[in-house]
Amino acid sequence: MAILLLADHDNQSLSDQTAKTLSAAAKIAKETGSDVHVLVAGKGAKPAADAAAKLLGVSKVLLAESDDLANNLAEPLADLIVSLAGAYDTIITAATSVGKNVMPRVAALLDVAQVSEIIEVVSADTFKRPIYAGNAIQTVQSTDAKRVITVRTASFSPASQGPAAAVEPISTAALSLELSKEVSLSVTATERPDLNSAKIVIAGGRALGSAEKFKDVILPIADKLGAAVGASRAAVDAGYAPNDWQVGQTGKIVAPQLYVAVGISGAIQHLAGMKDSKVIVAINKDEEAPIFQVADYGLVGDLFEILPELEQAL
C-alpha cells in the first residue's frame, strides 16, 4: 500500500514544510517499497499541486478542490482523508497548525493511535519523538493497521526537485460542514522571513523590558541580517512581542542555521523550540543562565550595550 502525504499550502504556493515532511515519508517508503502520493486540498490550488508534483519522490498528486476545502477546516478535510484512507497504510503531514488540527480527527475516525511530531524514522512502523519538552526521546512502535503521523519538520531536510509527477483531480463529495465554519482569517503581513523556515533567527526575552525596546534593539539587527524575529514565552506574555513570534514548546519549533538568543534565560520550554539550531549564540548578563549550556557561543553583558555595537558593526 502507498503513503498519503497531506500538503501544507496556501493554494498558490507550497510550504517548505511539505518538502521536509516528504523526506520523512520517503524514508518510510524506502522501508516498505511504497509510493508516496501527495494530497493537495483547497480551492484554486492547482499551482500548489503543480509544485508538489515536482518534488523528488512523489509518484502522484491528488488534487481535491471545493468551496468546502478552501479554508482548511478540520471536519471536511478529515472526511476527505478518511474517504481515501482505504488505499493507504500511512497518512502523514507536517505538525503545523493545520496538521495538528486535522490529524487527530483522522486518527479518531480511523480508530487508530496518532504518532505525533516524529523527529526520526527508525523503520516503517517505529519512530522517535521528543517528550518532556525535548528532555527525553521516546521510541514508538505503531501496531495499528494504518499509521497516522505528524512530523516535526525542523528535524528533516527538504526533499529536492525531481521529474514532474501526474496531477489527478479527485472527487470531493460528501464532506462534513455541520460542526464548524470559518468566521474570519487574519494574516500578519511581514517582509521578514517566515519564522519556521528562516535561516537566521534573532529572538528576544523578558529582559528587553518593553515592546519599544524590543523594536529599538532587536528589529534593526534582524533587518540587517535578513533574519526572522522570535521571542520567548515570557516576552510574549508580557506583551513585548506578538504571539506568532513565540518560540518554544507552546510556540513554534525552529532549527535555523543561526539562532541568536538575546536576554533569554533558557527555560526548558523555550529550549525545546530551538535547541536543534545549527549554531546558537546567547547574549545575557547572567553568566549562570541555562541558555549558555546549549549555546555554541556566549556573550555575557548588557544587551542594551552589546546590540547597538553589533548593529553598528553590521
C-alpha atoms as a PDB file:
ATOM      1  CA  MET A   1       0.000   0.000   0.000  1.00  0.00           C
ATOM      2  CA  ALA A   2       1.036   3.592  -0.581  1.00  0.00           C
ATOM      3  CA  ILE A   3       1.719   6.580   1.678  1.00  0.00           C
ATOM      4  CA  LEU A   4      -0.580   9.633   1.658  1.00  0.00           C
ATOM      5  CA  LEU A   5       1.056  12.971   2.481  1.00  0.00           C
ATOM      6  CA  LEU A   6      -1.228  15.914   3.222  1.00  0.00           C
ATOM      7  CA  ALA A   7       0.381  19.015   1.710  1.00  0.00           C
ATOM      8  CA  ASP A   8       0.706  22.293   3.603  1.00  0.00           C
ATOM      9  CA  HIS A   9      -0.045  25.182   1.215  1.00  0.00           C
ATOM     10  CA  ASP A  10      -1.927  28.441   0.638  1.00  0.00           C
ATOM     11  CA  ASN A  11      -3.457  27.277  -2.664  1.00  0.00           C
ATOM     12  CA  GLN A  12      -0.990  29.319  -4.714  1.00  0.00           C
ATOM     13  CA  SER A  13       2.288  28.056  -3.275  1.00  0.00           C
ATOM     14  CA  LEU A  14       3.568  25.030  -1.411  1.00  0.00           C
ATOM     15  CA  SER A  15       5.016  25.430   2.073  1.00  0.00           C
ATOM     16  CA  ASP A  16       8.546  24.118   2.559  1.00  0.00           C
ATOM     17  CA  GLN A  17       7.053  22.118   5.442  1.00  0.00           C
ATOM     18  CA  THR A  18       5.702  19.764   2.776  1.00  0.00           C
ATOM     19  CA  ALA A  19       9.129  19.146   1.242  1.00  0.00           C
ATOM     20  CA  LYS A  20      10.526  18.372   4.704  1.00  0.00           C
ATOM     21  CA  THR A  21       7.655  16.032   5.518  1.00  0.00           C
ATOM     22  CA  LEU A  22       8.294  14.291   2.209  1.00  0.00           C
ATOM     23  CA  SER A  23      11.820  13.459   3.412  1.00  0.00           C
ATOM     24  CA  ALA A  24      10.296  11.598   6.363  1.00  0.00           C
ATOM     25  CA  ALA A  25       7.719   9.904   4.130  1.00  0.00           C
ATOM     26  CA  ALA A  26      10.459   8.856   1.708  1.00  0.00           C
ATOM     27  CA  LYS A  27      12.278   7.016   4.495  1.00  0.00           C
ATOM     28  CA  ILE A  28       9.121   5.055   5.292  1.00  0.00           C
ATOM     29  CA  ALA A  29       8.589   4.397   1.598  1.00  0.00           C
ATOM     30  CA  LYS A  30      12.130   3.066   1.274  1.00  0.00           C
ATOM     31  CA  GLU A  31      11.478   0.572   4.067  1.00  0.00           C
ATOM     32  CA  THR A  32       8.232  -0.671   2.532  1.00  0.00           C
ATOM     33  CA  GLY A  33       8.804  -0.151  -1.174  1.00  0.00           C
ATOM     34  CA  SER A  34       5.725   2.071  -1.263  1.00  0.00           C
ATOM     35  CA  ASP A  35       4.795   5.031  -3.451  1.00  0.00           C
ATOM     36  CA  VAL A  36       4.189   8.461  -1.956  1.00  0.00           C
ATOM     37  CA  HIS A  37       1.034  10.291  -3.031  1.00  0.00           C
ATOM     38  CA  VAL A  38       0.545  13.939  -2.068  1.00  0.00           C
ATOM     39  CA  LEU A  39      -2.932  15.286  -1.314  1.00  0.00           C
ATOM     40  CA  VAL A  40      -3.437  18.968  -2.147  1.00  0.00           C
ATOM     41  CA  ALA A  41      -6.856  20.021  -0.842  1.00  0.00           C
ATOM     42  CA  GLY A  42      -8.185  23.528  -1.291  1.00  0.00           C
ATOM     43  CA  LYS A  43      -9.757  25.842  -3.835  1.00  0.00           C
ATOM     44  CA  GLY A  44      -7.874  27.151  -6.865  1.00  0.00           C
ATOM     45  CA  ALA A  45      -4.969  25.023  -5.648  1.00  0.00           C
ATOM     46  CA  LYS A  46      -3.609  23.845  -8.998  1.00  0.00           C
ATOM     47  CA  PRO A  47      -0.394  25.933  -8.620  1.00  0.00           C
ATOM     48  CA  ALA A  48       0.338  24.244  -5.272  1.00  0.00           C
ATOM     49  CA  ALA A  49      -0.396  20.836  -6.781  1.00  0.00           C
ATOM     50  CA  ASP A  50       1.978  21.516  -9.678  1.00  0.00           C
ATOM     51  CA  ALA A  51       4.690  22.491  -7.180  1.00  0.00           C
ATOM     52  CA  ALA A  52       4.116  19.282  -5.193  1.00  0.00           C
ATOM     53  CA  ALA A  53       4.374  17.232  -8.382  1.00  0.00           C
ATOM     54  CA  LYS A  54       7.929  18.488  -8.914  1.00  0.00           C
ATOM     55  CA  LEU A  55       9.250  17.164  -5.594  1.00  0.00           C
ATOM     56  CA  LEU A  56      11.567  14.174  -5.854  1.00  0.00           C
ATOM     57  CA  GLY A  57       9.914  11.017  -4.527  1.00  0.00           C
ATOM     58  CA  VAL A  58       6.313  11.955  -5.321  1.00  0.00           C
ATOM     59  CA  SER A  59       4.667   9.413  -7.627  1.00  0.00           C
ATOM     60  CA  LYS A  60       1.251  11.095  -7.845  1.00  0.00           C
ATOM     61  CA  VAL A  61      -0.532  14.245  -6.667  1.00  0.00           C
ATOM     62  CA  LEU A  62      -4.215  14.112  -5.759  1.00  0.00           C
ATOM     63  CA  LEU A  63      -5.909  17.479  -6.266  1.00  0.00           C
ATOM     64  CA  ALA A  64      -9.155  17.999  -4.350  1.00  0.00           C
ATOM     65  CA  GLU A  65     -10.848  21.337  -4.967  1.00  0.00           C
ATOM     66  CA  SER A  66     -14.057  22.569  -3.386  1.00  0.00           C
ATOM     67  CA  ASP A  67     -15.521  25.593  -1.611  1.00  0.00           C
ATOM     68  CA  ASP A  68     -15.716  23.332   1.438  1.00  0.00           C
ATOM     69  CA  LEU A  69     -11.929  22.820   1.418  1.00  0.00           C
ATOM     70  CA  ALA A  70     -10.954  26.438   0.822  1.00  0.00           C
ATOM     71  CA  ASN A  71     -10.206  27.260   4.464  1.00  0.00           C
ATOM     72  CA  ASN A  72      -8.530  24.094   5.805  1.00  0.00           C
ATOM     73  CA  LEU A  73     -11.379  23.369   8.200  1.00  0.00           C
ATOM     74  CA  ALA A  74     -10.727  20.143  10.095  1.00  0.00           C
ATOM     75  CA  GLU A  75     -14.096  18.447   9.507  1.00  0.00           C
ATOM     76  CA  PRO A  76     -14.293  18.402   5.684  1.00  0.00           C
ATOM     77  CA  LEU A  77     -10.560  17.838   5.301  1.00  0.00           C
ATOM     78  CA  ALA A  78     -10.601  14.899   7.721  1.00  0.00           C
ATOM     79  CA  ASP A  79     -13.626  13.440   5.924  1.00  0.00           C
ATOM     80  CA  LEU A  80     -11.752  13.653   2.629  1.00  0.00           C
ATOM     81  CA  ILE A  81      -8.668  11.939   4.027  1.00  0.00           C
ATOM     82  CA  VAL A  82     -10.720   9.166   5.625  1.00  0.00           C
ATOM     83  CA  SER A  83     -12.546   8.587   2.320  1.00  0.00           C
ATOM     84  CA  LEU A  84      -9.152   7.975   0.698  1.00  0.00           C
ATOM     85  CA  ALA A  85      -7.618   6.003   3.569  1.00  0.00           C
ATOM     86  CA  GLY A  86      -8.500   2.558   2.249  1.00  0.00           C
ATOM     87  CA  ALA A  87      -5.660   2.707  -0.269  1.00  0.00           C
ATOM     88  CA  TYR A  88      -3.011   3.795   2.255  1.00  0.00           C
ATOM     89  CA  ASP A  89      -1.294   2.310   5.284  1.00  0.00           C
ATOM     90  CA  THR A  90       0.444   5.563   6.297  1.00  0.00           C
ATOM     91  CA  ILE A  91      -1.080   9.055   6.410  1.00  0.00           C
ATOM     92  CA  ILE A  92       1.434  11.759   7.213  1.00  0.00           C
ATOM     93  CA  THR A  93       1.682  15.544   7.387  1.00  0.00           C
ATOM     94  CA  ALA A  94       3.701  18.316   9.000  1.00  0.00           C
ATOM     95  CA  ALA A  95       2.954  19.272  12.600  1.00  0.00           C
ATOM     96  CA  THR A  96       1.698  22.703  11.535  1.00  0.00           C
ATOM     97  CA  SER A  97      -1.479  24.336  12.806  1.00  0.00           C
ATOM     98  CA  VAL A  98      -3.429  22.558  10.057  1.00  0.00           C
ATOM     99  CA  GLY A  99      -1.767  19.201  10.689  1.00  0.00           C
ATOM    100  CA  LYS A 100      -2.329  19.406  14.431  1.00  0.00           C
ATOM    101  CA  ASN A 101      -5.960  20.287  13.840  1.00  0.00           C
ATOM    102  CA  VAL A 102      -6.806  17.680  11.209  1.00  0.00           C
ATOM    103  CA  MET A 103      -4.783  14.562  12.003  1.00  0.00           C
ATOM    104  CA  PRO A 104      -6.169  13.787  15.480  1.00  0.00           C
ATOM    105  CA  ARG A 105      -9.639  13.803  13.921  1.00  0.00           C
ATOM    106  CA  VAL A 106      -8.423  11.471  11.149  1.00  0.00           C
ATOM    107  CA  ALA A 107      -6.903   9.109  13.711  1.00  0.00           C
ATOM    108  CA  ALA A 108     -10.115   9.078  15.757  1.00  0.00           C
ATOM    109  CA  LEU A 109     -12.283   8.391  12.708  1.00  0.00           C
ATOM    110  CA  LEU A 110      -9.971   5.521  11.713  1.00  0.00           C
ATOM    111  CA  ASP A 111      -9.827   4.286  15.333  1.00  0.00           C
ATOM    112  CA  VAL A 112      -6.024   4.279  15.449  1.00  0.00           C
ATOM    113  CA  ALA A 113      -3.415   5.963  17.633  1.00  0.00           C
ATOM    114  CA  GLN A 114      -1.671   9.013  16.239  1.00  0.00           C
ATOM    115  CA  VAL A 115       2.128   9.215  16.397  1.00  0.00           C
ATOM    116  CA  SER A 116       2.847  12.895  16.943  1.00  0.00           C
ATOM    117  CA  GLU A 117       5.784  15.106  15.967  1.00  0.00           C
ATOM    118  CA  ILE A 118       8.285  12.454  14.964  1.00  0.00           C
ATOM    119  CA  ILE A 119      11.901  13.546  14.587  1.00  0.00           C
ATOM    120  CA  GLU A 120      13.311  10.309  13.153  1.00  0.00           C
ATOM    121  CA  VAL A 121      12.102   7.322  11.154  1.00  0.00           C
ATOM    122  CA  VAL A 122      13.632   4.157  12.615  1.00  0.00           C
ATOM    123  CA  SER A 123      11.629   1.771  10.444  1.00  0.00           C
ATOM    124  CA  ALA A 124       8.292   1.714   8.660  1.00  0.00           C
ATOM    125  CA  ASP A 125       6.415   1.319  11.967  1.00  0.00           C
ATOM    126  CA  THR A 126       8.891   2.703  14.509  1.00  0.00           C
ATOM    127  CA  PHE A 127       9.657   6.355  15.134  1.00  0.00           C
ATOM    128  CA  LYS A 128      11.385   8.672  17.576  1.00  0.00           C
ATOM    129  CA  ARG A 129       9.650  11.677  19.097  1.00  0.00           C
ATOM    130  CA  PRO A 130      10.530  14.129  21.875  1.00  0.00           C
ATOM    131  CA  ILE A 131       8.778  14.083  25.242  1.00  0.00           C
ATOM    132  CA  TYR A 132       9.172  16.114  28.456  1.00  0.00           C
ATOM    133  CA  ALA A 133       9.872  19.303  26.454  1.00  0.00           C
ATOM    134  CA  GLY A 134      12.568  17.541  24.494  1.00  0.00           C
ATOM    135  CA  ASN A 135      14.487  16.314  27.533  1.00  0.00           C
ATOM    136  CA  ALA A 136      13.862  12.701  26.548  1.00  0.00           C
ATOM    137  CA  ILE A 137      13.382  10.949  23.230  1.00  0.00           C
ATOM    138  CA  GLN A 138      10.704   8.277  23.045  1.00  0.00           C
ATOM    139  CA  THR A 139      10.864   5.406  20.555  1.00  0.00           C
ATOM    140  CA  VAL A 140       7.336   4.446  19.484  1.00  0.00           C
ATOM    141  CA  GLN A 141       6.265   1.388  17.511  1.00  0.00           C
ATOM    142  CA  SER A 142       2.836   1.520  15.921  1.00  0.00           C
ATOM    143  CA  THR A 143       0.951  -1.771  15.673  1.00  0.00           C
ATOM    144  CA  ASP A 144      -2.137  -0.275  14.021  1.00  0.00           C
ATOM    145  CA  ALA A 145      -3.083  -1.315  10.506  1.00  0.00           C
ATOM    146  CA  LYS A 146      -2.907   2.314   9.466  1.00  0.00           C
ATOM    147  CA  ARG A 147      -0.410   4.825  10.814  1.00  0.00           C
ATOM    148  CA  VAL A 148      -1.383   8.480  11.293  1.00  0.00           C
ATOM    149  CA  ILE A 149       1.731  10.608  11.752  1.00  0.00           C
ATOM    150  CA  THR A 150       2.693  14.247  12.183  1.00  0.00           C
ATOM    151  CA  VAL A 151       6.279  15.352  11.594  1.00  0.00           C
ATOM    152  CA  ARG A 152       8.393  17.896  13.439  1.00  0.00           C
ATOM    153  CA  THR A 153       9.891  19.254  10.240  1.00  0.00           C
ATOM    154  CA  ALA A 154      12.817  21.018  11.921  1.00  0.00           C
ATOM    155  CA  SER A 155      14.465  17.583  12.110  1.00  0.00           C
ATOM    156  CA  PHE A 156      14.303  16.874   8.371  1.00  0.00           C
ATOM    157  CA  SER A 157      15.896  18.442   5.298  1.00  0.00           C
ATOM    158  CA  PRO A 158      13.594  19.388   2.422  1.00  0.00           C
ATOM    159  CA  ALA A 159      13.263  16.993  -0.493  1.00  0.00           C
ATOM    160  CA  SER A 160      14.871  18.146  -3.723  1.00  0.00           C
ATOM    161  CA  GLN A 161      13.262  18.727  -7.086  1.00  0.00           C
ATOM    162  CA  GLY A 162      12.644  15.837  -9.468  1.00  0.00           C
ATOM    163  CA  PRO A 163      10.694  14.835 -12.574  1.00  0.00           C
ATOM    164  CA  ALA A 164       7.101  16.102 -12.512  1.00  0.00           C
ATOM    165  CA  ALA A 165       4.550  13.544 -11.342  1.00  0.00           C
ATOM    166  CA  ALA A 166       0.990  13.303 -12.596  1.00  0.00           C
ATOM    167  CA  VAL A 167      -1.677  15.543 -11.022  1.00  0.00           C
ATOM    168  CA  GLU A 168      -5.020  13.729 -10.683  1.00  0.00           C
ATOM    169  CA  PRO A 169      -8.247  15.599  -9.776  1.00  0.00           C
ATOM    170  CA  ILE A 170     -10.400  13.675  -7.294  1.00  0.00           C
ATOM    171  CA  SER A 171     -13.998  13.889  -6.103  1.00  0.00           C
ATOM    172  CA  THR A 172     -14.878  15.943  -3.028  1.00  0.00           C
ATOM    173  CA  ALA A 173     -18.417  14.660  -2.485  1.00  0.00           C
ATOM    174  CA  ALA A 174     -19.987  14.209   0.961  1.00  0.00           C
ATOM    175  CA  LEU A 175     -17.750  16.479   3.021  1.00  0.00           C
ATOM    176  CA  SER A 176     -18.898  17.479   6.506  1.00  0.00           C
ATOM    177  CA  LEU A 177     -19.638  21.135   7.228  1.00  0.00           C
ATOM    178  CA  GLU A 178     -22.055  20.666  10.109  1.00  0.00           C
ATOM    179  CA  LEU A 179     -19.777  21.292  13.067  1.00  0.00           C
ATOM    180  CA  SER A 180     -17.784  24.388  12.148  1.00  0.00           C
ATOM    181  CA  LYS A 181     -17.436  27.288   9.754  1.00  0.00           C
ATOM    182  CA  GLU A 182     -14.782  29.904   9.205  1.00  0.00           C
ATOM    183  CA  VAL A 183     -15.718  33.287  10.609  1.00  0.00           C
ATOM    184  CA  SER A 184     -12.593  35.233   9.707  1.00  0.00           C
ATOM    185  CA  LEU A 185      -8.915  34.844   8.905  1.00  0.00           C
ATOM    186  CA  SER A 186      -6.249  37.307   9.978  1.00  0.00           C
ATOM    187  CA  VAL A 187      -2.800  37.043   8.439  1.00  0.00           C
ATOM    188  CA  THR A 188       0.169  39.004   9.736  1.00  0.00           C
ATOM    189  CA  ALA A 189       1.947  40.762   6.889  1.00  0.00           C
ATOM    190  CA  THR A 190       5.729  40.999   7.153  1.00  0.00           C
ATOM    191  CA  GLU A 191       8.676  41.460   4.841  1.00  0.00           C
ATOM    192  CA  ARG A 192      10.896  39.363   7.093  1.00  0.00           C
ATOM    193  CA  PRO A 193      11.431  35.637   6.523  1.00  0.00           C
ATOM    194  CA  ASP A 194       8.925  33.181   7.934  1.00  0.00           C
ATOM    195  CA  LEU A 195       9.999  32.045  11.390  1.00  0.00           C
ATOM    196  CA  ASN A 196       9.573  28.341  10.593  1.00  0.00           C
ATOM    197  CA  SER A 197      11.799  28.419   7.505  1.00  0.00           C
ATOM    198  CA  ALA A 198      14.259  31.264   8.219  1.00  0.00           C
ATOM    199  CA  LYS A 199      17.984  30.502   8.104  1.00  0.00           C
ATOM    200  CA  ILE A 200      18.694  33.139  10.762  1.00  0.00           C
ATOM    201  CA  VAL A 201      16.532  33.911  13.800  1.00  0.00           C
ATOM    202  CA  ILE A 202      17.129  36.565  16.435  1.00  0.00           C
ATOM    203  CA  ALA A 203      14.902  36.180  19.484  1.00  0.00           C
ATOM    204  CA  GLY A 204      14.352  38.420  22.475  1.00  0.00           C
ATOM    205  CA  GLY A 205      13.282  37.671  26.014  1.00  0.00           C
ATOM    206  CA  ARG A 206      11.711  39.373  29.001  1.00  0.00           C
ATOM    207  CA  ALA A 207      14.966  41.170  29.789  1.00  0.00           C
ATOM    208  CA  LEU A 208      14.211  43.643  26.991  1.00  0.00           C
ATOM    209  CA  GLY A 209      11.677  45.249  29.308  1.00  0.00           C
ATOM    210  CA  SER A 210       9.148  46.645  26.825  1.00  0.00           C
ATOM    211  CA  ALA A 211       7.765  46.393  23.327  1.00  0.00           C
ATOM    212  CA  GLU A 212       9.509  49.659  22.472  1.00  0.00           C
ATOM    213  CA  LYS A 213      12.915  48.299  23.498  1.00  0.00           C
ATOM    214  CA  PHE A 214      12.201  45.112  21.555  1.00  0.00           C
ATOM    215  CA  LYS A 215      11.540  47.225  18.484  1.00  0.00           C
ATOM    216  CA  ASP A 216      14.530  49.518  19.037  1.00  0.00           C
ATOM    217  CA  VAL A 217      17.265  46.916  19.574  1.00  0.00           C
ATOM    218  CA  ILE A 218      16.071  43.629  18.037  1.00  0.00           C
ATOM    219  CA  LEU A 219      14.385  44.665  14.793  1.00  0.00           C
ATOM    220  CA  PRO A 220      17.255  46.726  13.321  1.00  0.00           C
ATOM    221  CA  ILE A 221      19.645  43.766  13.665  1.00  0.00           C
ATOM    222  CA  ALA A 222      17.051  41.407  12.228  1.00  0.00           C
ATOM    223  CA  ASP A 223      16.704  43.681   9.207  1.00  0.00           C
ATOM    224  CA  LYS A 224      20.453  43.860   8.647  1.00  0.00           C
ATOM    225  CA  LEU A 225      20.865  40.088   8.976  1.00  0.00           C
ATOM    226  CA  GLY A 226      17.784  39.281   6.919  1.00  0.00           C
ATOM    227  CA  ALA A 227      16.588  37.331   9.939  1.00  0.00           C
ATOM    228  CA  ALA A 228      13.221  36.287  11.284  1.00  0.00           C
ATOM    229  CA  VAL A 229      12.289  37.591  14.733  1.00  0.00           C
ATOM    230  CA  GLY A 230      11.365  35.319  17.609  1.00  0.00           C
ATOM    231  CA  ALA A 231      10.513  35.774  21.263  1.00  0.00           C
ATOM    232  CA  SER A 232      10.357  33.776  24.461  1.00  0.00           C
ATOM    233  CA  ARG A 233       7.005  32.957  26.020  1.00  0.00           C
ATOM    234  CA  ALA A 234       7.742  35.382  28.853  1.00  0.00           C
ATOM    235  CA  ALA A 235       8.269  38.202  26.353  1.00  0.00           C
ATOM    236  CA  VAL A 236       5.030  37.345  24.536  1.00  0.00           C
ATOM    237  CA  ASP A 237       3.060  37.068  27.786  1.00  0.00           C
ATOM    238  CA  ALA A 238       4.404  40.463  28.834  1.00  0.00           C
ATOM    239  CA  GLY A 239       3.176  42.000  25.577  1.00  0.00           C
ATOM    240  CA  TYR A 240       6.632  42.773  24.190  1.00  0.00           C
ATOM    241  CA  ALA A 241       6.090  40.676  21.044  1.00  0.00           C
ATOM    242  CA  PRO A 242       3.117  39.168  19.155  1.00  0.00           C
ATOM    243  CA  ASN A 243       2.035  35.559  19.672  1.00  0.00           C
ATOM    244  CA  ASP A 244       3.216  34.397  16.258  1.00  0.00           C
ATOM    245  CA  TRP A 245       6.813  35.232  17.230  1.00  0.00           C
ATOM    246  CA  GLN A 246       6.832  32.811  20.164  1.00  0.00           C
ATOM    247  CA  VAL A 247       9.461  30.070  20.005  1.00  0.00           C
ATOM    248  CA  GLY A 248       9.176  27.073  22.305  1.00  0.00           C
ATOM    249  CA  GLN A 249       7.156  24.050  23.258  1.00  0.00           C
ATOM    250  CA  THR A 250       3.953  26.120  23.236  1.00  0.00           C
ATOM    251  CA  GLY A 251       5.073  28.191  20.260  1.00  0.00           C
ATOM    252  CA  LYS A 252       6.997  27.418  17.079  1.00  0.00           C
ATOM    253  CA  ILE A 253       9.725  24.827  16.686  1.00  0.00           C
ATOM    254  CA  VAL A 254      12.645  26.214  14.682  1.00  0.00           C
ATOM    255  CA  ALA A 255      16.019  24.916  13.544  1.00  0.00           C
ATOM    256  CA  PRO A 256      17.785  27.727  11.660  1.00  0.00           C
ATOM    257  CA  GLN A 257      21.434  27.855  10.683  1.00  0.00           C
ATOM    258  CA  LEU A 258      21.931  30.621  13.272  1.00  0.00           C
ATOM    259  CA  TYR A 259      19.834  31.340  16.364  1.00  0.00           C
ATOM    260  CA  VAL A 260      20.650  34.436  18.424  1.00  0.00           C
ATOM    261  CA  ALA A 261      19.017  34.432  21.871  1.00  0.00           C
ATOM    262  CA  VAL A 262      19.003  37.879  23.448  1.00  0.00           C
ATOM    263  CA  GLY A 263      18.016  38.325  27.066  1.00  0.00           C
ATOM    264  CA  ILE A 264      16.556  34.798  27.190  1.00  0.00           C
ATOM    265  CA  SER A 265      17.359  32.761  30.288  1.00  0.00           C
ATOM    266  CA  GLY A 266      16.771  29.389  28.626  1.00  0.00           C
ATOM    267  CA  ALA A 267      13.683  27.888  30.243  1.00  0.00           C
ATOM    268  CA  ILE A 268      13.058  24.246  29.309  1.00  0.00           C
ATOM    269  CA  GLN A 269      10.001  25.058  27.204  1.00  0.00           C
ATOM    270  CA  HIS A 270      11.955  27.604  25.152  1.00  0.00           C
ATOM    271  CA  LEU A 271      14.917  25.283  24.624  1.00  0.00           C
ATOM    272  CA  ALA A 272      12.505  22.666  23.280  1.00  0.00           C
ATOM    273  CA  GLY A 273      11.719  25.028  20.425  1.00  0.00           C
ATOM    274  CA  MET A 274      15.231  25.991  19.289  1.00  0.00           C
ATOM    275  CA  LYS A 275      17.870  23.598  20.571  1.00  0.00           C
ATOM    276  CA  ASP A 276      18.182  21.894  17.163  1.00  0.00           C
ATOM    277  CA  SER A 277      19.540  25.130  15.653  1.00  0.00           C
ATOM    278  CA  LYS A 278      22.879  24.597  13.928  1.00  0.00           C
ATOM    279  CA  VAL A 279      24.662  27.459  15.743  1.00  0.00           C
ATOM    280  CA  ILE A 280      23.287  29.075  18.903  1.00  0.00           C
ATOM    281  CA  VAL A 281      24.548  32.440  20.149  1.00  0.00           C
ATOM    282  CA  ALA A 282      23.441  33.623  23.595  1.00  0.00           C
ATOM    283  CA  ILE A 283      23.638  37.196  24.901  1.00  0.00           C
ATOM    284  CA  ASN A 284      22.772  37.538  28.574  1.00  0.00           C
ATOM    285  CA  LYS A 285      24.120  39.449  31.554  1.00  0.00           C
ATOM    286  CA  ASP A 286      23.624  36.426  33.830  1.00  0.00           C
ATOM    287  CA  GLU A 287      26.560  34.110  33.262  1.00  0.00           C
ATOM    288  CA  GLU A 288      24.682  31.324  35.088  1.00  0.00           C
ATOM    289  CA  ALA A 289      21.702  31.434  32.704  1.00  0.00           C
ATOM    290  CA  PRO A 290      20.762  27.946  31.421  1.00  0.00           C
ATOM    291  CA  ILE A 291      20.864  29.198  27.824  1.00  0.00           C
ATOM    292  CA  PHE A 292      24.669  29.123  27.959  1.00  0.00           C
ATOM    293  CA  GLN A 293      24.575  25.342  28.454  1.00  0.00           C
ATOM    294  CA  VAL A 294      23.241  24.842  24.928  1.00  0.00           C
ATOM    295  CA  ALA A 295      24.900  27.830  23.266  1.00  0.00           C
ATOM    296  CA  ASP A 296      27.831  27.408  20.879  1.00  0.00           C
ATOM    297  CA  TYR A 297      28.883  30.994  21.589  1.00  0.00           C
ATOM    298  CA  GLY A 298      28.032  33.043  24.650  1.00  0.00           C
ATOM    299  CA  LEU A 299      28.441  36.731  25.373  1.00  0.00           C
ATOM    300  CA  VAL A 300      27.962  37.908  28.956  1.00  0.00           C
ATOM    301  CA  GLY A 301      26.993  41.541  29.169  1.00  0.00           C
ATOM    302  CA  ASP A 302      24.308  44.199  28.980  1.00  0.00           C
ATOM    303  CA  LEU A 303      22.235  43.607  25.847  1.00  0.00           C
ATOM    304  CA  PHE A 304      21.434  47.326  25.608  1.00  0.00           C
ATOM    305  CA  GLU A 305      25.145  47.993  25.146  1.00  0.00           C
ATOM    306  CA  ILE A 306      26.013  44.919  23.074  1.00  0.00           C
ATOM    307  CA  LEU A 307      23.209  45.100  20.493  1.00  0.00           C
ATOM    308  CA  PRO A 308      23.816  48.715  19.383  1.00  0.00           C
ATOM    309  CA  GLU A 309      27.506  47.853  18.972  1.00  0.00           C
ATOM    310  CA  LEU A 310      26.568  44.776  16.972  1.00  0.00           C
ATOM    311  CA  GLU A 311      24.231  46.782  14.764  1.00  0.00           C
ATOM    312  CA  GLN A 312      26.949  49.344  14.126  1.00  0.00           C
ATOM    313  CA  ALA A 313      29.427  46.610  13.236  1.00  0.00           C
ATOM    314  CA  LEU A 314      26.978  45.086  10.776  1.00  0.00           C
END
